[in-house]
Amino acid sequence: MPQYARSLRARRDIKEALVELLRSKQLDQIGMSELARTAQVSRNTLYKHYPNIAQVYEDMVRDFSGRIFTQLAQPGLCKHDGSDGKRPFCELMRNAGPYAGVVREPRFIELLLADEATLETHPTYAKLVAAGHSSSAARELVKFHTYGCFMASQSTRDDEAWAEARCLIDAFVQGGSEAILANGR
């Protein structure tokens, strides 16, 4: 196997191992030796790719966040059934599947919001820029929306209360988006 392919596979295995470990532990409870064992790579290989656990986590969040906004349904769709393969951001965060441990880490939202290239893939970003708003203003609105939805999605475990809150949030976001787009700059 060529060196580049081996390197990509090792990085993938390391990140997948971290996802697995985060299912049952906090990031600060995971050591490099444990990560190497779980990834089935040597410590040398692990350190060749990452100087510490935080760097592995940041790389993994970048990969995950790059996929998040491509899976988004338009806001205001609290009854959206996901049949088109898209889901509201809050649902992606609330039901993150194998990435639940990644999303629960306190640094997750900070890292997500710091990635401007990812924010620019949000469906609302393109609409705002097309309506004549600056890239900077569009990114800030996407950050506001993303942070609010993230915090709401993590704040309650009661499914009935969440369903009601989600519909209210969706209506609020949709109404605000429509007002901004209708008024232009």
C-alpha atoms as a PDB file:
ATOM      1  CA  MET A   1       0.000   0.000   0.000  1.00  0.00           C
ATOM      2  CA  PRO A   2       1.428   3.410  -0.936  1.00  0.00           C
ATOM      3  CA  GLN A   3       2.612   5.643   1.928  1.00  0.00           C
ATOM      4  CA  TYR A   4      -0.115   8.263   1.336  1.00  0.00           C
ATOM      5  CA  ALA A   5      -2.904   5.662   1.480  1.00  0.00           C
ATOM      6  CA  ARG A   6      -1.399   4.153   4.658  1.00  0.00           C
ATOM      7  CA  SER A   7      -1.242   7.602   6.214  1.00  0.00           C
ATOM      8  CA  LEU A   8      -4.881   8.349   5.353  1.00  0.00           C
ATOM      9  CA  ARG A   9      -5.980   4.989   6.743  1.00  0.00           C
ATOM     10  CA  ALA A  10      -4.049   5.537   9.987  1.00  0.00           C
ATOM     11  CA  ARG A  11      -5.609   8.994  10.456  1.00  0.00           C
ATOM     12  CA  ARG A  12      -9.070   7.577   9.764  1.00  0.00           C
ATOM     13  CA  ASP A  13      -8.523   4.711  12.213  1.00  0.00           C
ATOM     14  CA  ILE A  14      -7.295   7.122  14.900  1.00  0.00           C
ATOM     15  CA  LYS A  15     -10.330   9.391  14.513  1.00  0.00           C
ATOM     16  CA  GLU A  16     -12.728   6.440  14.489  1.00  0.00           C
ATOM     17  CA  ALA A  17     -11.098   5.150  17.674  1.00  0.00           C
ATOM     18  CA  LEU A  18     -11.599   8.536  19.319  1.00  0.00           C
ATOM     19  CA  VAL A  19     -15.283   8.499  18.342  1.00  0.00           C
ATOM     20  CA  GLU A  20     -15.560   5.060  19.935  1.00  0.00           C
ATOM     21  CA  LEU A  21     -13.824   6.169  23.146  1.00  0.00           C
ATOM     22  CA  LEU A  22     -15.963   9.314  23.410  1.00  0.00           C
ATOM     23  CA  ARG A  23     -19.055   7.133  23.661  1.00  0.00           C
ATOM     24  CA  SER A  24     -18.097   6.316  27.234  1.00  0.00           C
ATOM     25  CA  LYS A  25     -15.506   8.913  28.306  1.00  0.00           C
ATOM     26  CA  GLN A  26     -14.853  12.631  28.261  1.00  0.00           C
ATOM     27  CA  LEU A  27     -12.051  13.869  26.015  1.00  0.00           C
ATOM     28  CA  ASP A  28      -9.841  14.807  28.975  1.00  0.00           C
ATOM     29  CA  GLN A  29     -10.073  11.225  30.285  1.00  0.00           C
ATOM     30  CA  ILE A  30      -8.531   9.699  27.155  1.00  0.00           C
ATOM     31  CA  GLY A  31      -4.767   9.252  26.846  1.00  0.00           C
ATOM     32  CA  MET A  32      -2.606   8.788  23.796  1.00  0.00           C
ATOM     33  CA  SER A  33      -1.711   5.195  24.745  1.00  0.00           C
ATOM     34  CA  GLU A  34      -5.374   4.229  25.071  1.00  0.00           C
ATOM     35  CA  LEU A  35      -6.164   5.900  21.757  1.00  0.00           C
ATOM     36  CA  ALA A  36      -3.296   4.089  20.005  1.00  0.00           C
ATOM     37  CA  ARG A  37      -4.476   0.738  21.430  1.00  0.00           C
ATOM     38  CA  THR A  38      -8.088   1.352  20.375  1.00  0.00           C
ATOM     39  CA  ALA A  39      -7.022   2.493  16.893  1.00  0.00           C
ATOM     40  CA  GLN A  40      -4.691  -0.501  16.641  1.00  0.00           C
ATOM     41  CA  VAL A  41      -1.776   1.699  15.657  1.00  0.00           C
ATOM     42  CA  SER A  42       1.584   2.132  17.344  1.00  0.00           C
ATOM     43  CA  ARG A  43       2.228   5.140  19.568  1.00  0.00           C
ATOM     44  CA  ASN A  44       4.872   6.176  17.025  1.00  0.00           C
ATOM     45  CA  THR A  45       2.235   6.220  14.286  1.00  0.00           C
ATOM     46  CA  LEU A  46      -0.177   8.155  16.475  1.00  0.00           C
ATOM     47  CA  TYR A  47       2.426  10.802  17.356  1.00  0.00           C
ATOM     48  CA  LYS A  48       3.534  10.997  13.724  1.00  0.00           C
ATOM     49  CA  HIS A  49       0.032  12.223  12.827  1.00  0.00           C
ATOM     50  CA  TYR A  50      -1.088  14.024  15.995  1.00  0.00           C
ATOM     51  CA  PRO A  51       0.867  15.646  18.840  1.00  0.00           C
ATOM     52  CA  ASN A  52      -2.023  15.256  21.314  1.00  0.00           C
ATOM     53  CA  ILE A  53      -5.642  14.188  21.775  1.00  0.00           C
ATOM     54  CA  ALA A  54      -6.923  17.735  21.257  1.00  0.00           C
ATOM     55  CA  GLN A  55      -5.505  17.789  17.724  1.00  0.00           C
ATOM     56  CA  VAL A  56      -7.188  14.481  16.898  1.00  0.00           C
ATOM     57  CA  TYR A  57     -10.475  15.870  18.211  1.00  0.00           C
ATOM     58  CA  GLU A  58     -10.135  19.111  16.225  1.00  0.00           C
ATOM     59  CA  ASP A  59      -9.393  17.188  13.024  1.00  0.00           C
ATOM     60  CA  MET A  60     -12.368  14.918  13.643  1.00  0.00           C
ATOM     61  CA  VAL A  61     -14.699  17.879  14.301  1.00  0.00           C
ATOM     62  CA  ARG A  62     -13.554  19.493  11.027  1.00  0.00           C
ATOM     63  CA  ASP A  63     -14.367  16.273   9.154  1.00  0.00           C
ATOM     64  CA  PHE A  64     -17.735  15.888  10.879  1.00  0.00           C
ATOM     65  CA  SER A  65     -18.712  19.546  10.528  1.00  0.00           C
ATOM     66  CA  GLY A  66     -17.865  19.462   6.837  1.00  0.00           C
ATOM     67  CA  ARG A  67     -20.665  16.929   6.409  1.00  0.00           C
ATOM     68  CA  ILE A  68     -23.191  18.537   8.763  1.00  0.00           C
ATOM     69  CA  PHE A  69     -24.414  21.436   6.670  1.00  0.00           C
ATOM     70  CA  THR A  70     -24.691  19.330   3.514  1.00  0.00           C
ATOM     71  CA  GLN A  71     -27.281  17.226   5.365  1.00  0.00           C
ATOM     72  CA  LEU A  72     -29.467  20.147   6.443  1.00  0.00           C
ATOM     73  CA  ALA A  73     -33.120  20.548   5.714  1.00  0.00           C
ATOM     74  CA  GLN A  74     -34.308  24.118   5.377  1.00  0.00           C
ATOM     75  CA  PRO A  75     -35.243  25.774   8.676  1.00  0.00           C
ATOM     76  CA  GLY A  76     -38.906  25.945   9.578  1.00  0.00           C
ATOM     77  CA  LEU A  77     -39.534  22.287   8.871  1.00  0.00           C
ATOM     78  CA  CYS A  78     -40.360  20.879  12.291  1.00  0.00           C
ATOM     79  CA  LYS A  79     -42.493  18.208  10.637  1.00  0.00           C
ATOM     80  CA  HIS A  80     -39.717  17.327   8.153  1.00  0.00           C
ATOM     81  CA  ASP A  81     -39.581  13.545   7.836  1.00  0.00           C
ATOM     82  CA  GLY A  82     -36.016  13.206   6.527  1.00  0.00           C
ATOM     83  CA  SER A  83     -37.124  11.204   3.477  1.00  0.00           C
ATOM     84  CA  ASP A  84     -34.835  13.372   1.324  1.00  0.00           C
ATOM     85  CA  GLY A  85     -31.836  12.436   3.491  1.00  0.00           C
ATOM     86  CA  LYS A  86     -31.786  15.884   5.092  1.00  0.00           C
ATOM     87  CA  ARG A  87     -32.561  16.805   8.691  1.00  0.00           C
ATOM     88  CA  PRO A  88     -32.722  20.025  10.674  1.00  0.00           C
ATOM     89  CA  PHE A  89     -29.432  20.987  12.340  1.00  0.00           C
ATOM     90  CA  CYS A  90     -30.915  20.675  15.813  1.00  0.00           C
ATOM     91  CA  GLU A  91     -31.943  17.087  15.081  1.00  0.00           C
ATOM     92  CA  LEU A  92     -28.522  16.257  13.668  1.00  0.00           C
ATOM     93  CA  MET A  93     -27.018  17.491  16.948  1.00  0.00           C
ATOM     94  CA  ARG A  94     -29.633  15.970  19.234  1.00  0.00           C
ATOM     95  CA  ASN A  95     -29.424  12.581  17.525  1.00  0.00           C
ATOM     96  CA  ALA A  96     -25.800  12.504  16.400  1.00  0.00           C
ATOM     97  CA  GLY A  97     -25.586   8.718  16.372  1.00  0.00           C
ATOM     98  CA  PRO A  98     -22.008   7.510  16.777  1.00  0.00           C
ATOM     99  CA  TYR A  99     -20.888  11.161  17.039  1.00  0.00           C
ATOM    100  CA  ALA A 100     -22.969  11.848  20.179  1.00  0.00           C
ATOM    101  CA  GLY A 101     -19.844  11.857  22.341  1.00  0.00           C
ATOM    102  CA  VAL A 102     -18.145  14.229  19.940  1.00  0.00           C
ATOM    103  CA  VAL A 103     -21.090  16.647  20.053  1.00  0.00           C
ATOM    104  CA  ARG A 104     -21.319  16.495  23.881  1.00  0.00           C
ATOM    105  CA  GLU A 105     -17.742  17.715  24.314  1.00  0.00           C
ATOM    106  CA  PRO A 106     -17.722  21.343  25.494  1.00  0.00           C
ATOM    107  CA  ARG A 107     -15.317  22.415  22.712  1.00  0.00           C
ATOM    108  CA  PHE A 108     -17.488  21.088  19.898  1.00  0.00           C
ATOM    109  CA  ILE A 109     -19.629  24.164  19.245  1.00  0.00           C
ATOM    110  CA  GLU A 110     -16.635  26.503  19.599  1.00  0.00           C
ATOM    111  CA  LEU A 111     -14.726  24.548  16.940  1.00  0.00           C
ATOM    112  CA  LEU A 112     -17.753  24.310  14.670  1.00  0.00           C
ATOM    113  CA  LEU A 113     -18.382  28.057  14.783  1.00  0.00           C
ATOM    114  CA  ALA A 114     -14.702  28.851  14.193  1.00  0.00           C
ATOM    115  CA  ASP A 115     -14.695  27.065  10.817  1.00  0.00           C
ATOM    116  CA  GLU A 116     -15.754  29.804   8.396  1.00  0.00           C
ATOM    117  CA  ALA A 117     -15.562  27.564   5.338  1.00  0.00           C
ATOM    118  CA  THR A 118     -18.057  25.180   6.923  1.00  0.00           C
ATOM    119  CA  LEU A 119     -20.376  28.008   7.959  1.00  0.00           C
ATOM    120  CA  GLU A 120     -20.435  29.156   4.351  1.00  0.00           C
ATOM    121  CA  THR A 121     -21.949  25.812   3.300  1.00  0.00           C
ATOM    122  CA  HIS A 122     -25.052  26.469   5.451  1.00  0.00           C
ATOM    123  CA  PRO A 123     -28.122  26.883   3.191  1.00  0.00           C
ATOM    124  CA  THR A 124     -29.018  30.225   4.801  1.00  0.00           C
ATOM    125  CA  TYR A 125     -25.582  31.693   4.062  1.00  0.00           C
ATOM    126  CA  ALA A 126     -26.012  31.482   0.288  1.00  0.00           C
ATOM    127  CA  LYS A 127     -29.505  32.988   0.464  1.00  0.00           C
ATOM    128  CA  LEU A 128     -28.296  35.939   2.506  1.00  0.00           C
ATOM    129  CA  VAL A 129     -25.361  36.671   0.218  1.00  0.00           C
ATOM    130  CA  ALA A 130     -27.607  36.341  -2.848  1.00  0.00           C
ATOM    131  CA  ALA A 131     -29.962  38.882  -1.232  1.00  0.00           C
ATOM    132  CA  GLY A 132     -27.099  41.380  -1.073  1.00  0.00           C
ATOM    133  CA  HIS A 133     -25.826  40.912   2.478  1.00  0.00           C
ATOM    134  CA  SER A 134     -22.085  40.811   3.078  1.00  0.00           C
ATOM    135  CA  SER A 135     -20.311  37.505   3.608  1.00  0.00           C
ATOM    136  CA  SER A 136     -19.311  38.654   7.062  1.00  0.00           C
ATOM    137  CA  ALA A 137     -22.884  39.500   8.100  1.00  0.00           C
ATOM    138  CA  ALA A 138     -24.183  36.237   6.612  1.00  0.00           C
ATOM    139  CA  ARG A 139     -21.576  34.215   8.566  1.00  0.00           C
ATOM    140  CA  GLU A 140     -22.523  36.003  11.805  1.00  0.00           C
ATOM    141  CA  LEU A 141     -26.203  35.228  11.311  1.00  0.00           C
ATOM    142  CA  VAL A 142     -25.378  31.579  10.576  1.00  0.00           C
ATOM    143  CA  LYS A 143     -23.263  31.491  13.776  1.00  0.00           C
ATOM    144  CA  PHE A 144     -26.155  32.971  15.779  1.00  0.00           C
ATOM    145  CA  HIS A 145     -28.609  30.471  14.309  1.00  0.00           C
ATOM    146  CA  THR A 146     -26.250  27.509  14.702  1.00  0.00           C
ATOM    147  CA  TYR A 147     -25.307  28.315  18.299  1.00  0.00           C
ATOM    148  CA  GLY A 148     -28.907  28.873  19.373  1.00  0.00           C
ATOM    149  CA  CYS A 149     -30.143  25.689  17.742  1.00  0.00           C
ATOM    150  CA  PHE A 150     -27.229  23.711  19.162  1.00  0.00           C
ATOM    151  CA  MET A 151     -27.800  24.929  22.714  1.00  0.00           C
ATOM    152  CA  ALA A 152     -31.547  24.281  22.496  1.00  0.00           C
ATOM    153  CA  SER A 153     -30.985  20.786  21.108  1.00  0.00           C
ATOM    154  CA  GLN A 154     -28.722  19.900  24.031  1.00  0.00           C
ATOM    155  CA  SER A 155     -30.794  21.523  26.791  1.00  0.00           C
ATOM    156  CA  THR A 156     -33.604  19.015  27.274  1.00  0.00           C
ATOM    157  CA  ARG A 157     -33.921  15.259  27.094  1.00  0.00           C
ATOM    158  CA  ASP A 158     -37.723  15.309  27.367  1.00  0.00           C
ATOM    159  CA  ASP A 159     -38.826  14.324  23.843  1.00  0.00           C
ATOM    160  CA  GLU A 160     -42.309  15.831  24.114  1.00  0.00           C
ATOM    161  CA  ALA A 161     -41.032  19.193  25.364  1.00  0.00           C
ATOM    162  CA  TRP A 162     -38.318  19.097  22.710  1.00  0.00           C
ATOM    163  CA  ALA A 163     -40.823  18.486  19.897  1.00  0.00           C
ATOM    164  CA  GLU A 164     -42.812  21.562  20.920  1.00  0.00           C
ATOM    165  CA  ALA A 165     -39.697  23.697  21.400  1.00  0.00           C
ATOM    166  CA  ARG A 166     -38.317  22.618  18.033  1.00  0.00           C
ATOM    167  CA  CYS A 167     -41.478  23.709  16.218  1.00  0.00           C
ATOM    168  CA  LEU A 168     -41.354  27.091  17.974  1.00  0.00           C
ATOM    169  CA  ILE A 169     -37.668  27.515  17.137  1.00  0.00           C
ATOM    170  CA  ASP A 170     -38.258  26.520  13.512  1.00  0.00           C
ATOM    171  CA  ALA A 171     -41.129  29.008  13.171  1.00  0.00           C
ATOM    172  CA  PHE A 172     -38.986  31.731  14.743  1.00  0.00           C
ATOM    173  CA  VAL A 173     -36.026  31.014  12.454  1.00  0.00           C
ATOM    174  CA  GLN A 174     -38.200  30.734   9.352  1.00  0.00           C
ATOM    175  CA  GLY A 175     -40.030  33.964  10.145  1.00  0.00           C
ATOM    176  CA  GLY A 176     -36.799  35.810  10.810  1.00  0.00           C
ATOM    177  CA  SER A 177     -35.187  34.464   7.653  1.00  0.00           C
ATOM    178  CA  GLU A 178     -38.193  35.427   5.551  1.00  0.00           C
ATOM    179  CA  ALA A 179     -38.227  38.938   7.022  1.00  0.00           C
ATOM    180  CA  ILE A 180     -34.513  39.431   6.353  1.00  0.00           C
ATOM    181  CA  LEU A 181     -34.759  38.134   2.800  1.00  0.00           C
ATOM    182  CA  ALA A 182     -37.911  40.182   2.066  1.00  0.00           C
ATOM    183  CA  ASN A 183     -36.303  43.395   3.294  1.00  0.00           C
ATOM    184  CA  GLY A 184     -33.007  42.826   1.488  1.00  0.00           C
ATOM    185  CA  ARG A 185     -30.161  45.014   2.633  1.00  0.00           C
END
